[in-house]
Structure formats: C-alpha cells, structure tokens
C-alpha cells in the first residue's frame, strides 16, 4: 500500500494567482519520475510535464522569471500551461537546491535554512498542490543505475528502442574506486530522500509511491494515483522501460553485502545525513 496524507490547510501565504491543484513529482534520480510524469500527462487532464527549477531545461520565459524570484518563476510556469490543463512538474533535489542558492545570491547555505526555503518554494505553488513523493526501496540498485547512466549518457530507454542500448560491460570485479563511487552515490540518494521527507512532512496533500510498486503492478498503481489526483481513469502504458540487465544484476549482488554493512554503520553513526548545500 502507498501512503497518502491529506491534512487541513493552514498555509496563509497562498499567492492569489496560483494554478488550481498543480501536480508536483518530487523524487531522486533513477526513481521513475520521468516515466510516471508522462503517464500522468497521458491522463489528459494534465499538461506536458516540465522539469521545475532546472535552469538548463527552462524556456525563455521561465529562465527570465528565474532571475526575478520565486513567485515570478511559478507564475512563468503557469503562463505556459495550456488553458484547461493542470501544471505537472518534476522537482529534483539538485535543481531546487541550485535555484535556492542562486536566487539568494549565495554559494552555501545551512541545512536547516535550505530545508526551510525548499518547503517555502513548494508552498508557492499553492495550498491545493498535490505532491507525489517517488522513492525506491532498493537504494543500491538505484545507485548502480545512476552510476551506469552517468557513464553511458543513457537516461531513458524508450519502449520502441529497447534493443538499442549502448553496450556496457566493465569488469564485474569492480575496482575499489568504482565501488566507493557507487556507495557515495547511494549515500547521496539516501540523503536526498531524507531531505524530501523533511520538506514534505507538513505539506497538506502528499502521496508516497515506490518505484518497485510501479514495476510490479503498473495498472493498479496508476489507477490509484489517478483517483487521488482527480484525473480521468485512462489506461496508460509506460513509454520507457526499466534499464535492467544481467550485468546490473550481477554488480548489485556483488555489492549487496558490503553495502548492507556500510548502511548499518551509517545508521549507527547518524540518524540524518546533513546534505551539502553549496554549488
């Protein structure tokens, strides 16, 4: 079962021009957010998904608004949503962090200040905003997937091109440096999940969905999400497929035990990992 939270709204900072019931997908890299975004867009009631706070993918209107501040930026997003549609946006931690630092004219910010400003940024979309927090239970497999994507440049594998992925077969016996790189990626992913939990804990409408549930029961997961978002019950199929193969499975299994030991040690030494909040 996915976790759903709806609380009475107590936020009095709602901007009067905000979109009615925007949909935000908050998650981490390789959590299936792009696959889910396009599935929701296909439900007809939502516009084409955008990557909020991502400077490199912003339109000219969005980029100009970014330079003017948070409310101007969210208004810029609204302006590009077709009439009768709902704003549908992905929000990744790194994009939001960079936006906050840039808009405040600093290169570093304390963890608590970053959390406060991130929560404020999400709230500017309005009290009716519905947030989907997308996570993965298997952080090690997520980390291996992200490591591979960075090395190959393949971030999505489309259904009609499933047989055309780049050949990738480094030695199974990973060098120590490679193992430490994968573990560092996993540590960062855990830190990002902790960040999102802290940011979203007081948001009025949050739906927590796990990537593994999407894979194991796609139709049921999408149907439940459509109902919660008040979207039409439209059958949709994923336009991307899971980028798994025997190589990835072998690497994950080879690293499983040392990762468990590292994770247990990590839990003993700190209950929450302070995130780097500088560019």
C-alpha atoms as a PDB file:
ATOM      1  CA  UNK A   1       0.000   0.000   0.000  1.00  0.00           C
ATOM      2  CA  UNK A   2       1.169   3.503  -0.806  1.00  0.00           C
ATOM      3  CA  UNK A   3       0.989   6.214   1.829  1.00  0.00           C
ATOM      4  CA  UNK A   4      -1.462   9.087   1.349  1.00  0.00           C
ATOM      5  CA  UNK A   5      -1.648  12.141   3.559  1.00  0.00           C
ATOM      6  CA  UNK A   6      -4.252  14.903   3.373  1.00  0.00           C
ATOM      7  CA  UNK A   7      -4.263  17.489   6.141  1.00  0.00           C
ATOM      8  CA  UNK A   8      -6.294  20.652   6.768  1.00  0.00           C
ATOM      9  CA  UNK A   9      -4.512  23.555   5.138  1.00  0.00           C
ATOM     10  CA  UNK A  10      -3.051  26.144   7.484  1.00  0.00           C
ATOM     11  CA  UNK A  11      -0.861  27.970   4.972  1.00  0.00           C
ATOM     12  CA  UNK A  12      -1.929  31.594   4.682  1.00  0.00           C
ATOM     13  CA  UNK A  13       0.828  32.537   2.217  1.00  0.00           C
ATOM     14  CA  UNK A  14      -1.065  31.365  -0.877  1.00  0.00           C
ATOM     15  CA  UNK A  15      -0.452  33.614  -3.857  1.00  0.00           C
ATOM     16  CA  UNK A  16      -3.828  34.589  -5.408  1.00  0.00           C
ATOM     17  CA  UNK A  17      -2.685  33.844  -8.947  1.00  0.00           C
ATOM     18  CA  UNK A  18      -1.598  30.263  -8.356  1.00  0.00           C
ATOM     19  CA  UNK A  19      -2.839  27.383 -10.507  1.00  0.00           C
ATOM     20  CA  UNK A  20      -5.641  25.243  -9.128  1.00  0.00           C
ATOM     21  CA  UNK A  21      -4.288  21.888  -7.933  1.00  0.00           C
ATOM     22  CA  UNK A  22      -0.849  21.714  -9.534  1.00  0.00           C
ATOM     23  CA  UNK A  23       0.810  18.289  -9.518  1.00  0.00           C
ATOM     24  CA  UNK A  24       4.431  18.048  -8.363  1.00  0.00           C
ATOM     25  CA  UNK A  25       6.522  14.885  -8.626  1.00  0.00           C
ATOM     26  CA  UNK A  26       9.310  15.127  -6.049  1.00  0.00           C
ATOM     27  CA  UNK A  27      11.990  12.490  -6.143  1.00  0.00           C
ATOM     28  CA  UNK A  28      15.549  11.463  -6.779  1.00  0.00           C
ATOM     29  CA  UNK A  29      17.392  10.446  -9.973  1.00  0.00           C
ATOM     30  CA  UNK A  30      16.507   6.970 -11.297  1.00  0.00           C
ATOM     31  CA  UNK A  31      13.292   6.790  -9.251  1.00  0.00           C
ATOM     32  CA  UNK A  32      10.986   6.553 -12.276  1.00  0.00           C
ATOM     33  CA  UNK A  33       9.807  10.165 -12.125  1.00  0.00           C
ATOM     34  CA  UNK A  34      10.025  10.762 -15.865  1.00  0.00           C
ATOM     35  CA  UNK A  35       8.156   7.539 -16.645  1.00  0.00           C
ATOM     36  CA  UNK A  36       5.449   8.488 -14.148  1.00  0.00           C
ATOM     37  CA  UNK A  37       5.266  12.096 -15.381  1.00  0.00           C
ATOM     38  CA  UNK A  38       4.455  11.064 -18.923  1.00  0.00           C
ATOM     39  CA  UNK A  39       1.933   8.505 -17.691  1.00  0.00           C
ATOM     40  CA  UNK A  40       0.087  11.252 -15.822  1.00  0.00           C
ATOM     41  CA  UNK A  41       0.329  13.594 -18.806  1.00  0.00           C
ATOM     42  CA  UNK A  42      -1.389  10.899 -20.853  1.00  0.00           C
ATOM     43  CA  UNK A  43      -4.326  11.057 -18.443  1.00  0.00           C
ATOM     44  CA  UNK A  44      -5.471  14.087 -20.471  1.00  0.00           C
ATOM     45  CA  UNK A  45      -6.136  16.394 -17.531  1.00  0.00           C
ATOM     46  CA  UNK A  46      -2.500  17.434 -17.171  1.00  0.00           C
ATOM     47  CA  UNK A  47      -0.236  19.419 -19.434  1.00  0.00           C
ATOM     48  CA  UNK A  48       3.092  18.170 -20.772  1.00  0.00           C
ATOM     49  CA  UNK A  49       5.422  17.612 -17.782  1.00  0.00           C
ATOM     50  CA  UNK A  50       8.174  20.115 -17.134  1.00  0.00           C
ATOM     51  CA  UNK A  51      11.313  19.988 -15.010  1.00  0.00           C
ATOM     52  CA  UNK A  52      10.767  22.713 -12.438  1.00  0.00           C
ATOM     53  CA  UNK A  53      13.771  24.722 -11.185  1.00  0.00           C
ATOM     54  CA  UNK A  54      16.007  23.126 -13.857  1.00  0.00           C
ATOM     55  CA  UNK A  55      17.856  26.073 -15.371  1.00  0.00           C
ATOM     56  CA  UNK A  56      19.320  24.033 -18.227  1.00  0.00           C
ATOM     57  CA  UNK A  57      15.854  22.972 -19.445  1.00  0.00           C
ATOM     58  CA  UNK A  58      13.946  26.205 -18.766  1.00  0.00           C
ATOM     59  CA  UNK A  59      12.146  28.010 -21.551  1.00  0.00           C
ATOM     60  CA  UNK A  60      12.998  31.638 -22.281  1.00  0.00           C
ATOM     61  CA  UNK A  61      10.003  32.797 -20.230  1.00  0.00           C
ATOM     62  CA  UNK A  62      10.929  30.509 -17.329  1.00  0.00           C
ATOM     63  CA  UNK A  63      14.600  31.494 -17.427  1.00  0.00           C
ATOM     64  CA  UNK A  64      13.753  35.198 -17.297  1.00  0.00           C
ATOM     65  CA  UNK A  65      11.339  34.594 -14.419  1.00  0.00           C
ATOM     66  CA  UNK A  66      14.002  32.637 -12.520  1.00  0.00           C
ATOM     67  CA  UNK A  67      16.118  35.752 -12.384  1.00  0.00           C
ATOM     68  CA  UNK A  68      13.248  37.735 -10.845  1.00  0.00           C
ATOM     69  CA  UNK A  69      12.398  35.452  -7.952  1.00  0.00           C
ATOM     70  CA  UNK A  70      10.235  32.588  -6.800  1.00  0.00           C
ATOM     71  CA  UNK A  71       6.725  33.966  -7.332  1.00  0.00           C
ATOM     72  CA  UNK A  72       7.640  35.301 -10.750  1.00  0.00           C
ATOM     73  CA  UNK A  73       9.029  31.899 -11.657  1.00  0.00           C
ATOM     74  CA  UNK A  74       5.926  29.949 -10.608  1.00  0.00           C
ATOM     75  CA  UNK A  75       3.814  32.497 -12.480  1.00  0.00           C
ATOM     76  CA  UNK A  76       6.006  31.861 -15.531  1.00  0.00           C
ATOM     77  CA  UNK A  77       5.296  28.151 -15.227  1.00  0.00           C
ATOM     78  CA  UNK A  78       1.572  28.868 -15.056  1.00  0.00           C
ATOM     79  CA  UNK A  79       1.732  31.040 -18.165  1.00  0.00           C
ATOM     80  CA  UNK A  80       2.984  28.110 -20.243  1.00  0.00           C
ATOM     81  CA  UNK A  81       0.239  25.695 -19.153  1.00  0.00           C
ATOM     82  CA  UNK A  82      -2.485  25.366 -21.836  1.00  0.00           C
ATOM     83  CA  UNK A  83      -5.945  26.580 -20.883  1.00  0.00           C
ATOM     84  CA  UNK A  84      -7.957  23.917 -19.073  1.00  0.00           C
ATOM     85  CA  UNK A  85      -4.887  21.892 -18.133  1.00  0.00           C
ATOM     86  CA  UNK A  86      -3.094  21.429 -14.834  1.00  0.00           C
ATOM     87  CA  UNK A  87       0.537  22.165 -14.129  1.00  0.00           C
ATOM     88  CA  UNK A  88       2.524  18.928 -13.991  1.00  0.00           C
ATOM     89  CA  UNK A  89       6.130  19.323 -12.880  1.00  0.00           C
ATOM     90  CA  UNK A  90       9.053  17.170 -11.777  1.00  0.00           C
ATOM     91  CA  UNK A  91      11.182  18.553  -8.968  1.00  0.00           C
ATOM     92  CA  UNK A  92      14.590  17.048  -8.210  1.00  0.00           C
ATOM     93  CA  UNK A  93      16.649  17.979  -5.171  1.00  0.00           C
ATOM     94  CA  UNK A  94      19.721  19.233  -7.035  1.00  0.00           C
ATOM     95  CA  UNK A  95      17.667  21.544  -9.283  1.00  0.00           C
ATOM     96  CA  UNK A  96      15.774  23.014  -6.334  1.00  0.00           C
ATOM     97  CA  UNK A  97      18.965  23.444  -4.261  1.00  0.00           C
ATOM     98  CA  UNK A  98      20.773  25.261  -7.052  1.00  0.00           C
ATOM     99  CA  UNK A  99      17.762  27.512  -7.640  1.00  0.00           C
ATOM    100  CA  UNK A 100      17.585  28.443  -3.949  1.00  0.00           C
ATOM    101  CA  UNK A 101      21.285  29.247  -3.741  1.00  0.00           C
ATOM    102  CA  UNK A 102      21.242  31.250  -6.961  1.00  0.00           C
ATOM    103  CA  UNK A 103      18.095  33.213  -6.073  1.00  0.00           C
ATOM    104  CA  UNK A 104      19.603  34.082  -2.671  1.00  0.00           C
ATOM    105  CA  UNK A 105      22.926  35.108  -4.199  1.00  0.00           C
ATOM    106  CA  UNK A 106      24.983  32.655  -2.120  1.00  0.00           C
ATOM    107  CA  UNK A 107      27.134  29.595  -2.737  1.00  0.00           C
ATOM    108  CA  UNK A 108      26.462  27.930   0.602  1.00  0.00           C
ATOM    109  CA  UNK A 109      23.533  27.653   2.993  1.00  0.00           C
ATOM    110  CA  UNK A 110      22.986  25.764   6.251  1.00  0.00           C
ATOM    111  CA  UNK A 111      20.999  22.561   6.092  1.00  0.00           C
ATOM    112  CA  UNK A 112      18.131  23.996   8.175  1.00  0.00           C
ATOM    113  CA  UNK A 113      17.922  27.154   6.045  1.00  0.00           C
ATOM    114  CA  UNK A 114      17.917  25.049   2.886  1.00  0.00           C
ATOM    115  CA  UNK A 115      15.048  22.917   4.216  1.00  0.00           C
ATOM    116  CA  UNK A 116      13.044  25.998   5.199  1.00  0.00           C
ATOM    117  CA  UNK A 117      13.473  27.679   1.819  1.00  0.00           C
ATOM    118  CA  UNK A 118      12.758  24.449  -0.072  1.00  0.00           C
ATOM    119  CA  UNK A 119       9.490  23.999   1.826  1.00  0.00           C
ATOM    120  CA  UNK A 120       8.611  27.628   1.089  1.00  0.00           C
ATOM    121  CA  UNK A 121       9.352  27.069  -2.602  1.00  0.00           C
ATOM    122  CA  UNK A 122       6.979  24.094  -2.774  1.00  0.00           C
ATOM    123  CA  UNK A 123       4.292  26.081  -0.928  1.00  0.00           C
ATOM    124  CA  UNK A 124       4.374  28.872  -3.518  1.00  0.00           C
ATOM    125  CA  UNK A 125       2.520  26.542  -5.881  1.00  0.00           C
ATOM    126  CA  UNK A 126      -0.493  26.969  -3.580  1.00  0.00           C
ATOM    127  CA  UNK A 127      -2.323  25.076  -0.803  1.00  0.00           C
ATOM    128  CA  UNK A 128      -4.201  22.867  -3.281  1.00  0.00           C
ATOM    129  CA  UNK A 129      -0.952  21.481  -4.705  1.00  0.00           C
ATOM    130  CA  UNK A 130      -0.785  17.702  -4.742  1.00  0.00           C
ATOM    131  CA  UNK A 131       2.676  16.224  -4.278  1.00  0.00           C
ATOM    132  CA  UNK A 132       3.746  12.738  -5.309  1.00  0.00           C
ATOM    133  CA  UNK A 133       6.894  11.695  -3.446  1.00  0.00           C
ATOM    134  CA  UNK A 134       8.503   8.996  -5.567  1.00  0.00           C
ATOM    135  CA  UNK A 135      11.068   6.745  -3.883  1.00  0.00           C
ATOM    136  CA  UNK A 136      12.950   3.489  -4.394  1.00  0.00           C
ATOM    137  CA  UNK A 137      13.236   0.844  -1.701  1.00  0.00           C
ATOM    138  CA  UNK A 138      16.386  -0.661  -3.212  1.00  0.00           C
ATOM    139  CA  UNK A 139      18.859   2.218  -2.930  1.00  0.00           C
ATOM    140  CA  UNK A 140      21.806   0.083  -4.043  1.00  0.00           C
ATOM    141  CA  UNK A 141      20.132  -0.856  -7.338  1.00  0.00           C
ATOM    142  CA  UNK A 142      19.160   2.791  -7.800  1.00  0.00           C
ATOM    143  CA  UNK A 143      22.764   3.851  -7.216  1.00  0.00           C
ATOM    144  CA  UNK A 144      24.105   1.331  -9.733  1.00  0.00           C
ATOM    145  CA  UNK A 145      21.525   2.551 -12.260  1.00  0.00           C
ATOM    146  CA  UNK A 146      22.562   6.176 -11.729  1.00  0.00           C
ATOM    147  CA  UNK A 147      26.261   5.296 -11.955  1.00  0.00           C
ATOM    148  CA  UNK A 148      25.652   3.495 -15.261  1.00  0.00           C
ATOM    149  CA  UNK A 149      23.541   6.353 -16.659  1.00  0.00           C
ATOM    150  CA  UNK A 150      26.309   8.846 -15.887  1.00  0.00           C
ATOM    151  CA  UNK A 151      28.908   6.683 -17.611  1.00  0.00           C
ATOM    152  CA  UNK A 152      26.858   5.883 -20.727  1.00  0.00           C
ATOM    153  CA  UNK A 153      24.736   9.015 -21.034  1.00  0.00           C
ATOM    154  CA  UNK A 154      21.600   6.863 -21.338  1.00  0.00           C
ATOM    155  CA  UNK A 155      18.980   8.348 -19.009  1.00  0.00           C
ATOM    156  CA  UNK A 156      15.859   6.900 -20.575  1.00  0.00           C
ATOM    157  CA  UNK A 157      15.312   3.697 -22.534  1.00  0.00           C
ATOM    158  CA  UNK A 158      12.251   4.025 -24.728  1.00  0.00           C
ATOM    159  CA  UNK A 159       9.967   1.072 -25.362  1.00  0.00           C
ATOM    160  CA  UNK A 160      10.438   1.175 -29.148  1.00  0.00           C
ATOM    161  CA  UNK A 161      14.228   1.315 -28.758  1.00  0.00           C
ATOM    162  CA  UNK A 162      14.659  -1.317 -26.060  1.00  0.00           C
ATOM    163  CA  UNK A 163      17.109  -3.279 -28.185  1.00  0.00           C
ATOM    164  CA  UNK A 164      19.379  -0.334 -28.969  1.00  0.00           C
ATOM    165  CA  UNK A 165      21.026   0.459 -25.674  1.00  0.00           C
ATOM    166  CA  UNK A 166      24.731   1.101 -25.535  1.00  0.00           C
ATOM    167  CA  UNK A 167      26.946  -1.889 -24.894  1.00  0.00           C
ATOM    168  CA  UNK A 168      28.315  -1.571 -21.387  1.00  0.00           C
ATOM    169  CA  UNK A 169      30.378  -4.337 -19.885  1.00  0.00           C
ATOM    170  CA  UNK A 170      33.113  -3.181 -17.486  1.00  0.00           C
ATOM    171  CA  UNK A 171      34.776  -5.800 -15.313  1.00  0.00           C
ATOM    172  CA  UNK A 172      32.353  -7.386 -12.855  1.00  0.00           C
ATOM    173  CA  UNK A 173      35.053  -7.296 -10.187  1.00  0.00           C
ATOM    174  CA  UNK A 174      34.721  -3.580  -9.685  1.00  0.00           C
ATOM    175  CA  UNK A 175      37.807  -1.675  -8.713  1.00  0.00           C
ATOM    176  CA  UNK A 176      37.757  -0.315  -5.192  1.00  0.00           C
ATOM    177  CA  UNK A 177      37.407   3.218  -6.547  1.00  0.00           C
ATOM    178  CA  UNK A 178      34.310   2.209  -8.537  1.00  0.00           C
ATOM    179  CA  UNK A 179      32.745   0.570  -5.503  1.00  0.00           C
ATOM    180  CA  UNK A 180      33.330   3.661  -3.420  1.00  0.00           C
ATOM    181  CA  UNK A 181      31.822   5.777  -6.199  1.00  0.00           C
ATOM    182  CA  UNK A 182      28.662   3.654  -6.228  1.00  0.00           C
ATOM    183  CA  UNK A 183      28.418   3.739  -2.423  1.00  0.00           C
ATOM    184  CA  UNK A 184      28.890   7.523  -2.393  1.00  0.00           C
ATOM    185  CA  UNK A 185      26.063   7.832  -4.918  1.00  0.00           C
ATOM    186  CA  UNK A 186      23.859   5.651  -2.699  1.00  0.00           C
ATOM    187  CA  UNK A 187      24.690   7.750   0.363  1.00  0.00           C
ATOM    188  CA  UNK A 188      23.706  10.873  -1.546  1.00  0.00           C
ATOM    189  CA  UNK A 189      20.419   9.303  -2.690  1.00  0.00           C
ATOM    190  CA  UNK A 190      19.559   8.406   0.914  1.00  0.00           C
ATOM    191  CA  UNK A 191      20.337  11.968   1.939  1.00  0.00           C
ATOM    192  CA  UNK A 192      18.067  13.321  -0.791  1.00  0.00           C
ATOM    193  CA  UNK A 193      15.207  11.074   0.367  1.00  0.00           C
ATOM    194  CA  UNK A 194      15.685  12.338   3.929  1.00  0.00           C
ATOM    195  CA  UNK A 195      15.618  15.886   2.584  1.00  0.00           C
ATOM    196  CA  UNK A 196      12.305  15.315   0.780  1.00  0.00           C
ATOM    197  CA  UNK A 197      10.734  13.676   3.825  1.00  0.00           C
ATOM    198  CA  UNK A 198      11.667  16.723   5.896  1.00  0.00           C
ATOM    199  CA  UNK A 199      10.442  19.198   3.278  1.00  0.00           C
ATOM    200  CA  UNK A 200       7.137  17.422   2.648  1.00  0.00           C
ATOM    201  CA  UNK A 201       6.259  16.382   6.209  1.00  0.00           C
ATOM    202  CA  UNK A 202       3.932  19.359   6.701  1.00  0.00           C
ATOM    203  CA  UNK A 203       2.565  19.633   3.189  1.00  0.00           C
ATOM    204  CA  UNK A 204      -1.222  19.142   3.112  1.00  0.00           C
ATOM    205  CA  UNK A 205      -1.512  16.651   0.226  1.00  0.00           C
ATOM    206  CA  UNK A 206       1.226  14.041  -0.242  1.00  0.00           C
ATOM    207  CA  UNK A 207       1.136  10.641  -1.957  1.00  0.00           C
ATOM    208  CA  UNK A 208       4.189   8.421  -1.376  1.00  0.00           C
ATOM    209  CA  UNK A 209       4.789   5.988  -4.219  1.00  0.00           C
ATOM    210  CA  UNK A 210       7.595   3.457  -4.605  1.00  0.00           C
ATOM    211  CA  UNK A 211       9.229   2.693  -7.928  1.00  0.00           C
ATOM    212  CA  UNK A 212       9.068  -1.017  -7.189  1.00  0.00           C
ATOM    213  CA  UNK A 213       5.267  -0.832  -6.924  1.00  0.00           C
ATOM    214  CA  UNK A 214       5.078   0.780 -10.351  1.00  0.00           C
ATOM    215  CA  UNK A 215       7.072  -2.084 -11.828  1.00  0.00           C
ATOM    216  CA  UNK A 216       5.216  -4.893 -10.054  1.00  0.00           C
ATOM    217  CA  UNK A 217       1.674  -3.593 -10.634  1.00  0.00           C
ATOM    218  CA  UNK A 218       1.690  -0.722 -13.087  1.00  0.00           C
ATOM    219  CA  UNK A 219      -2.051  -0.590 -13.860  1.00  0.00           C
ATOM    220  CA  UNK A 220      -3.183  -0.682 -10.237  1.00  0.00           C
ATOM    221  CA  UNK A 221      -0.583   1.885  -9.145  1.00  0.00           C
ATOM    222  CA  UNK A 222      -1.525   4.330 -11.911  1.00  0.00           C
ATOM    223  CA  UNK A 223      -5.245   3.867 -11.287  1.00  0.00           C
ATOM    224  CA  UNK A 224      -4.848   4.629  -7.572  1.00  0.00           C
ATOM    225  CA  UNK A 225      -2.790   7.711  -8.339  1.00  0.00           C
ATOM    226  CA  UNK A 226      -5.257   8.932 -10.973  1.00  0.00           C
ATOM    227  CA  UNK A 227      -8.087   8.700  -8.448  1.00  0.00           C
ATOM    228  CA  UNK A 228      -6.131  10.591  -5.789  1.00  0.00           C
ATOM    229  CA  UNK A 229      -5.236  13.312  -8.285  1.00  0.00           C
ATOM    230  CA  UNK A 230      -8.803  13.505  -9.638  1.00  0.00           C
ATOM    231  CA  UNK A 231      -7.582  12.591 -13.096  1.00  0.00           C
ATOM    232  CA  UNK A 232      -9.690  10.646 -15.618  1.00  0.00           C
ATOM    233  CA  UNK A 233      -9.431   6.864 -15.391  1.00  0.00           C
ATOM    234  CA  UNK A 234      -7.413   6.416 -18.575  1.00  0.00           C
ATOM    235  CA  UNK A 235      -5.409   3.283 -19.307  1.00  0.00           C
ATOM    236  CA  UNK A 236      -1.806   4.278 -19.996  1.00  0.00           C
ATOM    237  CA  UNK A 237       1.327   2.303 -20.710  1.00  0.00           C
ATOM    238  CA  UNK A 238       4.870   3.372 -19.790  1.00  0.00           C
ATOM    239  CA  UNK A 239       6.796   4.922 -22.667  1.00  0.00           C
ATOM    240  CA  UNK A 240      10.099   3.904 -21.079  1.00  0.00           C
ATOM    241  CA  UNK A 241      11.232   0.537 -19.775  1.00  0.00           C
ATOM    242  CA  UNK A 242      13.377  -0.498 -16.833  1.00  0.00           C
ATOM    243  CA  UNK A 243      17.059  -0.340 -17.695  1.00  0.00           C
ATOM    244  CA  UNK A 244      17.944  -3.642 -16.098  1.00  0.00           C
ATOM    245  CA  UNK A 245      20.159  -6.384 -17.469  1.00  0.00           C
ATOM    246  CA  UNK A 246      22.270  -9.306 -16.270  1.00  0.00           C
ATOM    247  CA  UNK A 247      25.316  -7.045 -15.805  1.00  0.00           C
ATOM    248  CA  UNK A 248      23.485  -4.715 -13.436  1.00  0.00           C
ATOM    249  CA  UNK A 249      22.030  -7.668 -11.522  1.00  0.00           C
ATOM    250  CA  UNK A 250      25.489  -9.183 -11.108  1.00  0.00           C
ATOM    251  CA  UNK A 251      27.006  -5.920  -9.873  1.00  0.00           C
ATOM    252  CA  UNK A 252      24.158  -5.335  -7.426  1.00  0.00           C
ATOM    253  CA  UNK A 253      24.516  -8.806  -5.956  1.00  0.00           C
ATOM    254  CA  UNK A 254      28.303  -8.440  -5.714  1.00  0.00           C
ATOM    255  CA  UNK A 255      27.887  -5.202  -3.749  1.00  0.00           C
ATOM    256  CA  UNK A 256      24.871  -6.213  -1.678  1.00  0.00           C
ATOM    257  CA  UNK A 257      26.681  -7.474   1.421  1.00  0.00           C
ATOM    258  CA  UNK A 258      29.293  -4.690   1.689  1.00  0.00           C
ATOM    259  CA  UNK A 259      26.503  -2.163   1.127  1.00  0.00           C
ATOM    260  CA  UNK A 260      24.456  -3.674   3.945  1.00  0.00           C
ATOM    261  CA  UNK A 261      27.435  -3.379   6.271  1.00  0.00           C
ATOM    262  CA  UNK A 262      28.003   0.229   5.214  1.00  0.00           C
ATOM    263  CA  UNK A 263      24.328   1.076   5.626  1.00  0.00           C
ATOM    264  CA  UNK A 264      24.149  -0.410   9.130  1.00  0.00           C
ATOM    265  CA  UNK A 265      27.269   1.529  10.125  1.00  0.00           C
ATOM    266  CA  UNK A 266      25.774   4.671   8.653  1.00  0.00           C
ATOM    267  CA  UNK A 267      22.581   4.255  10.680  1.00  0.00           C
ATOM    268  CA  UNK A 268      24.579   3.823  13.868  1.00  0.00           C
ATOM    269  CA  UNK A 269      26.675   6.945  13.357  1.00  0.00           C
ATOM    270  CA  UNK A 270      23.932   9.384  12.372  1.00  0.00           C
ATOM    271  CA  UNK A 271      20.172   9.420  12.188  1.00  0.00           C
ATOM    272  CA  UNK A 272      20.104  12.015   9.412  1.00  0.00           C
ATOM    273  CA  UNK A 273      22.773  12.913   6.910  1.00  0.00           C
ATOM    274  CA  UNK A 274      23.482  16.645   6.532  1.00  0.00           C
ATOM    275  CA  UNK A 275      23.348  17.441   2.843  1.00  0.00           C
ATOM    276  CA  UNK A 276      25.954  19.520   1.077  1.00  0.00           C
ATOM    277  CA  UNK A 277      24.251  22.794   0.354  1.00  0.00           C
ATOM    278  CA  UNK A 278      26.762  24.544  -1.840  1.00  0.00           C
ATOM    279  CA  UNK A 279      27.282  24.666  -5.556  1.00  0.00           C
END
